[in-house]
Amino acid sequence: MRSLWYYIQCDRLNLRIEHKYLVKIRKYKDNPEQCLDHACPNKYNFVPGTILTRYFKGIKYAILVNDDGSFSYNGDKYSTLSAVATKIAGMKMSGNFFFGINKRYKHDN
């Protein structure tokens, strides 16, 4: 996706495009949808219906993973775990840190 934006900027400013970006642009020119799929993979890869639990200040919180990859908490829908963590903690917080999710490991389906 960055390669495309880079191409557009270079085109507008009449600048030379670096070779590495041309390679990426050519790779996705026939199938731009593949570029979007590659650029925005499911970050957590949780199975829909999974319930994430966390104790915070002595209270147990349960978050449901929805079919579309969003998260439900107290009847509200959130697009990221960070939004849920911020709501629970009352301050901006990383969802990965708050729920103890290690990015190095993929969750199998």
N, C-alpha and C. Protein backbone atom coordinates (compact mmCIF):
# COMPACT_ATOMS: atom_id res chain seq x y z
N MET A 1 0.82 -1.18 0.00
CA MET A 1 0.00 0.00 0.00
C MET A 1 0.88 1.26 0.00
N ARG A 2 1.96 1.23 0.79
CA ARG A 2 2.86 2.37 0.81
C ARG A 2 3.48 2.61 -0.56
N SER A 3 3.75 1.52 -1.26
CA SER A 3 4.35 1.64 -2.59
C SER A 3 3.43 2.41 -3.53
N LEU A 4 2.15 2.16 -3.43
CA LEU A 4 1.19 2.86 -4.27
C LEU A 4 1.16 4.35 -3.95
N TRP A 5 1.13 4.68 -2.67
CA TRP A 5 1.13 6.10 -2.27
C TRP A 5 2.43 6.78 -2.69
N TYR A 6 3.53 6.05 -2.57
CA TYR A 6 4.82 6.58 -2.98
C TYR A 6 4.80 6.87 -4.47
N TYR A 7 4.23 5.94 -5.25
CA TYR A 7 4.12 6.11 -6.70
C TYR A 7 3.30 7.36 -7.04
N ILE A 8 2.19 7.53 -6.36
CA ILE A 8 1.32 8.69 -6.61
C ILE A 8 2.05 9.99 -6.30
N GLN A 9 2.78 10.01 -5.17
CA GLN A 9 3.52 11.23 -4.80
C GLN A 9 4.61 11.54 -5.82
N CYS A 10 5.34 10.52 -6.22
CA CYS A 10 6.41 10.73 -7.21
C CYS A 10 5.83 11.21 -8.53
N ASP A 11 4.71 10.66 -8.91
CA ASP A 11 4.06 11.06 -10.16
C ASP A 11 3.64 12.52 -10.11
N ARG A 12 3.06 12.94 -9.01
CA ARG A 12 2.60 14.33 -8.88
C ARG A 12 3.76 15.32 -8.82
N LEU A 13 4.87 14.91 -8.20
CA LEU A 13 6.00 15.81 -8.05
C LEU A 13 7.06 15.63 -9.13
N ASN A 14 6.77 14.74 -10.11
CA ASN A 14 7.71 14.44 -11.19
C ASN A 14 9.07 13.98 -10.67
N LEU A 15 9.05 13.08 -9.69
CA LEU A 15 10.27 12.53 -9.12
C LEU A 15 10.52 11.12 -9.66
N ARG A 16 11.76 10.68 -9.57
CA ARG A 16 12.13 9.33 -10.00
C ARG A 16 11.70 8.33 -8.93
N ILE A 17 11.13 7.22 -9.35
CA ILE A 17 10.68 6.18 -8.42
C ILE A 17 11.80 5.17 -8.22
N GLU A 18 12.09 4.86 -6.97
CA GLU A 18 13.14 3.88 -6.67
C GLU A 18 12.74 2.50 -7.16
N HIS A 19 13.74 1.72 -7.55
CA HIS A 19 13.52 0.39 -8.13
C HIS A 19 12.73 -0.53 -7.19
N LYS A 20 13.04 -0.53 -5.89
CA LYS A 20 12.37 -1.45 -4.97
C LYS A 20 10.86 -1.20 -4.93
N TYR A 21 10.43 0.04 -5.13
CA TYR A 21 9.00 0.33 -5.14
C TYR A 21 8.35 -0.08 -6.46
N LEU A 22 9.10 0.04 -7.54
CA LEU A 22 8.58 -0.40 -8.83
C LEU A 22 8.31 -1.90 -8.83
N VAL A 23 9.18 -2.66 -8.18
CA VAL A 23 8.99 -4.11 -8.08
C VAL A 23 7.69 -4.42 -7.35
N LYS A 24 7.44 -3.74 -6.24
CA LYS A 24 6.22 -3.97 -5.47
C LYS A 24 4.98 -3.54 -6.24
N ILE A 25 5.07 -2.42 -6.92
CA ILE A 25 3.92 -1.94 -7.69
C ILE A 25 3.58 -2.92 -8.80
N ARG A 26 4.58 -3.42 -9.50
CA ARG A 26 4.34 -4.40 -10.57
C ARG A 26 3.75 -5.70 -10.03
N LYS A 27 4.16 -6.06 -8.82
CA LYS A 27 3.67 -7.31 -8.21
C LYS A 27 2.16 -7.29 -8.03
N TYR A 28 1.62 -6.14 -7.66
CA TYR A 28 0.20 -6.05 -7.35
C TYR A 28 -0.64 -5.36 -8.42
N LYS A 29 -0.04 -4.99 -9.55
CA LYS A 29 -0.79 -4.23 -10.55
C LYS A 29 -1.95 -5.02 -11.15
N ASP A 30 -1.78 -6.34 -11.31
CA ASP A 30 -2.85 -7.16 -11.89
C ASP A 30 -3.94 -7.52 -10.89
N ASN A 31 -3.58 -7.53 -9.61
CA ASN A 31 -4.56 -7.91 -8.58
C ASN A 31 -4.39 -7.00 -7.36
N PRO A 32 -4.92 -5.77 -7.42
CA PRO A 32 -4.75 -4.84 -6.30
C PRO A 32 -5.41 -5.30 -5.00
N GLU A 33 -6.44 -6.16 -5.10
CA GLU A 33 -7.09 -6.67 -3.89
C GLU A 33 -6.12 -7.49 -3.05
N GLN A 34 -5.20 -8.18 -3.72
CA GLN A 34 -4.20 -8.98 -3.02
C GLN A 34 -3.32 -8.08 -2.15
N CYS A 35 -3.04 -6.89 -2.64
CA CYS A 35 -2.24 -5.93 -1.88
C CYS A 35 -2.96 -5.54 -0.60
N LEU A 36 -4.26 -5.29 -0.70
CA LEU A 36 -5.03 -4.92 0.49
C LEU A 36 -5.11 -6.08 1.48
N ASP A 37 -5.29 -7.30 0.97
CA ASP A 37 -5.34 -8.47 1.85
C ASP A 37 -4.02 -8.65 2.58
N HIS A 38 -2.94 -8.39 1.87
CA HIS A 38 -1.61 -8.56 2.47
C HIS A 38 -1.30 -7.43 3.46
N ALA A 39 -1.77 -6.22 3.15
CA ALA A 39 -1.48 -5.07 3.99
C ALA A 39 -2.27 -5.06 5.29
N CYS A 40 -3.45 -5.67 5.30
CA CYS A 40 -4.32 -5.62 6.47
C CYS A 40 -4.71 -7.02 6.93
N PRO A 41 -3.75 -7.85 7.33
CA PRO A 41 -4.13 -9.18 7.79
C PRO A 41 -4.82 -9.09 9.15
N ASN A 42 -5.53 -10.15 9.50
CA ASN A 42 -6.14 -10.21 10.82
C ASN A 42 -5.02 -10.19 11.84
N LYS A 43 -4.99 -9.17 12.65
CA LYS A 43 -3.88 -8.95 13.57
C LYS A 43 -3.75 -10.05 14.63
N TYR A 44 -4.85 -10.50 15.16
CA TYR A 44 -4.80 -11.43 16.27
C TYR A 44 -5.09 -12.87 15.88
N ASN A 45 -5.88 -13.07 14.84
CA ASN A 45 -6.23 -14.40 14.35
C ASN A 45 -6.95 -15.23 15.41
N PHE A 46 -7.83 -14.58 16.18
CA PHE A 46 -8.63 -15.30 17.17
C PHE A 46 -9.79 -16.01 16.49
N VAL A 47 -10.19 -17.12 17.03
CA VAL A 47 -11.37 -17.83 16.55
C VAL A 47 -12.60 -17.08 17.05
N PRO A 48 -13.57 -16.78 16.16
CA PRO A 48 -14.79 -16.12 16.63
C PRO A 48 -15.46 -16.92 17.75
N GLY A 49 -15.92 -16.20 18.75
CA GLY A 49 -16.54 -16.84 19.90
C GLY A 49 -15.58 -17.00 21.07
N THR A 50 -14.29 -16.73 20.84
CA THR A 50 -13.31 -16.81 21.92
C THR A 50 -13.63 -15.74 22.96
N ILE A 51 -13.50 -16.09 24.22
CA ILE A 51 -13.72 -15.13 25.29
C ILE A 51 -12.38 -14.86 25.98
N LEU A 52 -11.98 -13.61 25.95
CA LEU A 52 -10.75 -13.18 26.61
C LEU A 52 -11.13 -12.69 28.00
N THR A 53 -10.41 -13.15 29.01
CA THR A 53 -10.71 -12.70 30.38
C THR A 53 -9.50 -12.02 30.98
N ARG A 54 -9.78 -11.06 31.84
CA ARG A 54 -8.72 -10.32 32.49
C ARG A 54 -9.24 -9.82 33.83
N TYR A 55 -8.45 -9.99 34.85
CA TYR A 55 -8.76 -9.41 36.15
C TYR A 55 -8.06 -8.07 36.24
N PHE A 56 -8.81 -7.05 36.58
CA PHE A 56 -8.24 -5.71 36.72
C PHE A 56 -8.85 -5.05 37.95
N LYS A 57 -7.99 -4.72 38.90
CA LYS A 57 -8.41 -4.12 40.17
C LYS A 57 -9.47 -4.97 40.87
N GLY A 58 -9.26 -6.28 40.81
CA GLY A 58 -10.13 -7.21 41.51
C GLY A 58 -11.43 -7.56 40.80
N ILE A 59 -11.64 -7.04 39.63
CA ILE A 59 -12.87 -7.31 38.88
C ILE A 59 -12.51 -8.11 37.64
N LYS A 60 -13.33 -9.15 37.36
CA LYS A 60 -13.11 -9.98 36.18
C LYS A 60 -13.84 -9.38 34.99
N TYR A 61 -13.11 -9.21 33.89
CA TYR A 61 -13.67 -8.67 32.65
C TYR A 61 -13.62 -9.75 31.58
N ALA A 62 -14.71 -9.90 30.83
CA ALA A 62 -14.79 -10.89 29.75
C ALA A 62 -15.10 -10.17 28.45
N ILE A 63 -14.28 -10.44 27.43
CA ILE A 63 -14.43 -9.81 26.12
C ILE A 63 -14.65 -10.91 25.09
N LEU A 64 -15.67 -10.76 24.28
CA LEU A 64 -16.02 -11.75 23.26
C LEU A 64 -15.46 -11.33 21.90
N VAL A 65 -14.85 -12.29 21.19
CA VAL A 65 -14.37 -12.04 19.83
C VAL A 65 -15.53 -12.31 18.87
N ASN A 66 -15.90 -11.32 18.07
CA ASN A 66 -17.01 -11.44 17.13
C ASN A 66 -16.56 -12.07 15.81
N ASP A 67 -17.53 -12.43 14.98
CA ASP A 67 -17.25 -13.06 13.69
C ASP A 67 -16.44 -12.16 12.76
N ASP A 68 -16.64 -10.86 12.84
CA ASP A 68 -15.94 -9.93 11.94
C ASP A 68 -14.59 -9.48 12.47
N GLY A 69 -14.14 -10.06 13.60
CA GLY A 69 -12.84 -9.71 14.17
C GLY A 69 -12.90 -8.58 15.19
N SER A 70 -14.08 -8.02 15.40
CA SER A 70 -14.23 -6.98 16.42
C SER A 70 -14.43 -7.64 17.78
N PHE A 71 -14.53 -6.82 18.81
CA PHE A 71 -14.64 -7.32 20.18
C PHE A 71 -15.86 -6.71 20.86
N SER A 72 -16.56 -7.52 21.66
CA SER A 72 -17.73 -7.05 22.40
C SER A 72 -17.43 -7.05 23.89
N TYR A 73 -17.81 -5.96 24.52
CA TYR A 73 -17.65 -5.83 25.97
C TYR A 73 -18.83 -5.00 26.49
N ASN A 74 -19.56 -5.54 27.45
CA ASN A 74 -20.72 -4.87 28.05
C ASN A 74 -21.73 -4.40 27.01
N GLY A 75 -21.93 -5.19 25.96
CA GLY A 75 -22.90 -4.85 24.94
C GLY A 75 -22.42 -3.85 23.90
N ASP A 76 -21.22 -3.32 24.08
CA ASP A 76 -20.66 -2.38 23.09
C ASP A 76 -19.66 -3.12 22.21
N LYS A 77 -19.53 -2.66 20.98
CA LYS A 77 -18.64 -3.28 20.01
C LYS A 77 -17.42 -2.39 19.80
N TYR A 78 -16.23 -2.99 19.84
CA TYR A 78 -14.97 -2.27 19.67
C TYR A 78 -14.17 -2.91 18.55
N SER A 79 -13.49 -2.11 17.76
CA SER A 79 -12.73 -2.65 16.63
C SER A 79 -11.36 -3.17 17.05
N THR A 80 -10.82 -2.69 18.17
CA THR A 80 -9.49 -3.12 18.62
C THR A 80 -9.50 -3.49 20.10
N LEU A 81 -8.53 -4.30 20.46
CA LEU A 81 -8.36 -4.62 21.88
C LEU A 81 -7.90 -3.41 22.68
N SER A 82 -7.17 -2.53 22.03
CA SER A 82 -6.72 -1.32 22.72
C SER A 82 -7.90 -0.45 23.13
N ALA A 83 -8.93 -0.39 22.30
CA ALA A 83 -10.13 0.38 22.65
C ALA A 83 -10.82 -0.23 23.87
N VAL A 84 -10.87 -1.55 23.93
CA VAL A 84 -11.47 -2.23 25.09
C VAL A 84 -10.63 -1.98 26.34
N ALA A 85 -9.31 -2.12 26.20
CA ALA A 85 -8.41 -1.90 27.35
C ALA A 85 -8.51 -0.48 27.86
N THR A 86 -8.61 0.47 26.95
CA THR A 86 -8.74 1.88 27.34
C THR A 86 -10.05 2.10 28.10
N LYS A 87 -11.12 1.49 27.64
CA LYS A 87 -12.41 1.61 28.31
C LYS A 87 -12.36 1.04 29.73
N ILE A 88 -11.74 -0.13 29.87
CA ILE A 88 -11.67 -0.78 31.18
C ILE A 88 -10.74 -0.04 32.12
N ALA A 89 -9.56 0.32 31.64
CA ALA A 89 -8.55 0.94 32.50
C ALA A 89 -8.82 2.43 32.76
N GLY A 90 -9.60 3.05 31.88
CA GLY A 90 -9.88 4.47 32.06
C GLY A 90 -8.77 5.37 31.57
N MET A 91 -7.81 4.81 30.89
CA MET A 91 -6.72 5.59 30.28
C MET A 91 -6.21 4.83 29.06
N LYS A 92 -5.54 5.54 28.19
CA LYS A 92 -5.04 4.92 26.96
C LYS A 92 -4.08 3.79 27.32
N MET A 93 -4.33 2.62 26.72
CA MET A 93 -3.54 1.43 27.07
C MET A 93 -3.46 0.50 25.87
N SER A 94 -2.33 -0.16 25.73
CA SER A 94 -2.15 -1.15 24.68
C SER A 94 -2.98 -2.39 25.00
N GLY A 95 -3.77 -2.83 24.02
CA GLY A 95 -4.58 -4.03 24.21
C GLY A 95 -3.72 -5.27 24.39
N ASN A 96 -2.63 -5.36 23.62
CA ASN A 96 -1.73 -6.51 23.75
C ASN A 96 -1.14 -6.59 25.15
N PHE A 97 -0.70 -5.46 25.66
CA PHE A 97 -0.12 -5.43 27.00
C PHE A 97 -1.17 -5.74 28.06
N PHE A 98 -2.32 -5.11 27.94
CA PHE A 98 -3.37 -5.26 28.95
C PHE A 98 -3.87 -6.70 29.05
N PHE A 99 -4.06 -7.34 27.90
CA PHE A 99 -4.57 -8.71 27.90
C PHE A 99 -3.46 -9.77 27.88
N GLY A 100 -2.21 -9.34 27.88
CA GLY A 100 -1.10 -10.29 27.93
C GLY A 100 -0.91 -11.09 26.66
N ILE A 101 -1.18 -10.47 25.53
CA ILE A 101 -1.04 -11.17 24.24
C ILE A 101 0.35 -10.90 23.69
N ASN A 102 1.05 -11.98 23.40
CA ASN A 102 2.40 -11.89 22.87
C ASN A 102 2.32 -11.98 21.36
N LYS A 103 2.80 -10.96 20.65
CA LYS A 103 2.70 -10.91 19.20
C LYS A 103 3.57 -11.98 18.52
N ARG A 104 4.55 -12.52 19.21
CA ARG A 104 5.44 -13.49 18.58
C ARG A 104 4.74 -14.81 18.26
N TYR A 105 3.65 -15.08 18.93
CA TYR A 105 2.96 -16.35 18.73
C TYR A 105 1.63 -16.12 18.02
N LYS A 106 1.38 -16.90 16.99
CA LYS A 106 0.09 -16.86 16.29
C LYS A 106 -0.87 -17.80 17.00
N HIS A 107 -2.10 -17.38 17.12
CA HIS A 107 -3.14 -18.22 17.69
C HIS A 107 -3.71 -19.08 16.58
N ASP A 108 -3.66 -20.39 16.72
CA ASP A 108 -4.16 -21.28 15.68
C ASP A 108 -5.68 -21.31 15.67
N ASN A 109 -6.21 -21.49 14.47
CA ASN A 109 -7.68 -21.60 14.34
C ASN A 109 -8.14 -22.97 14.70
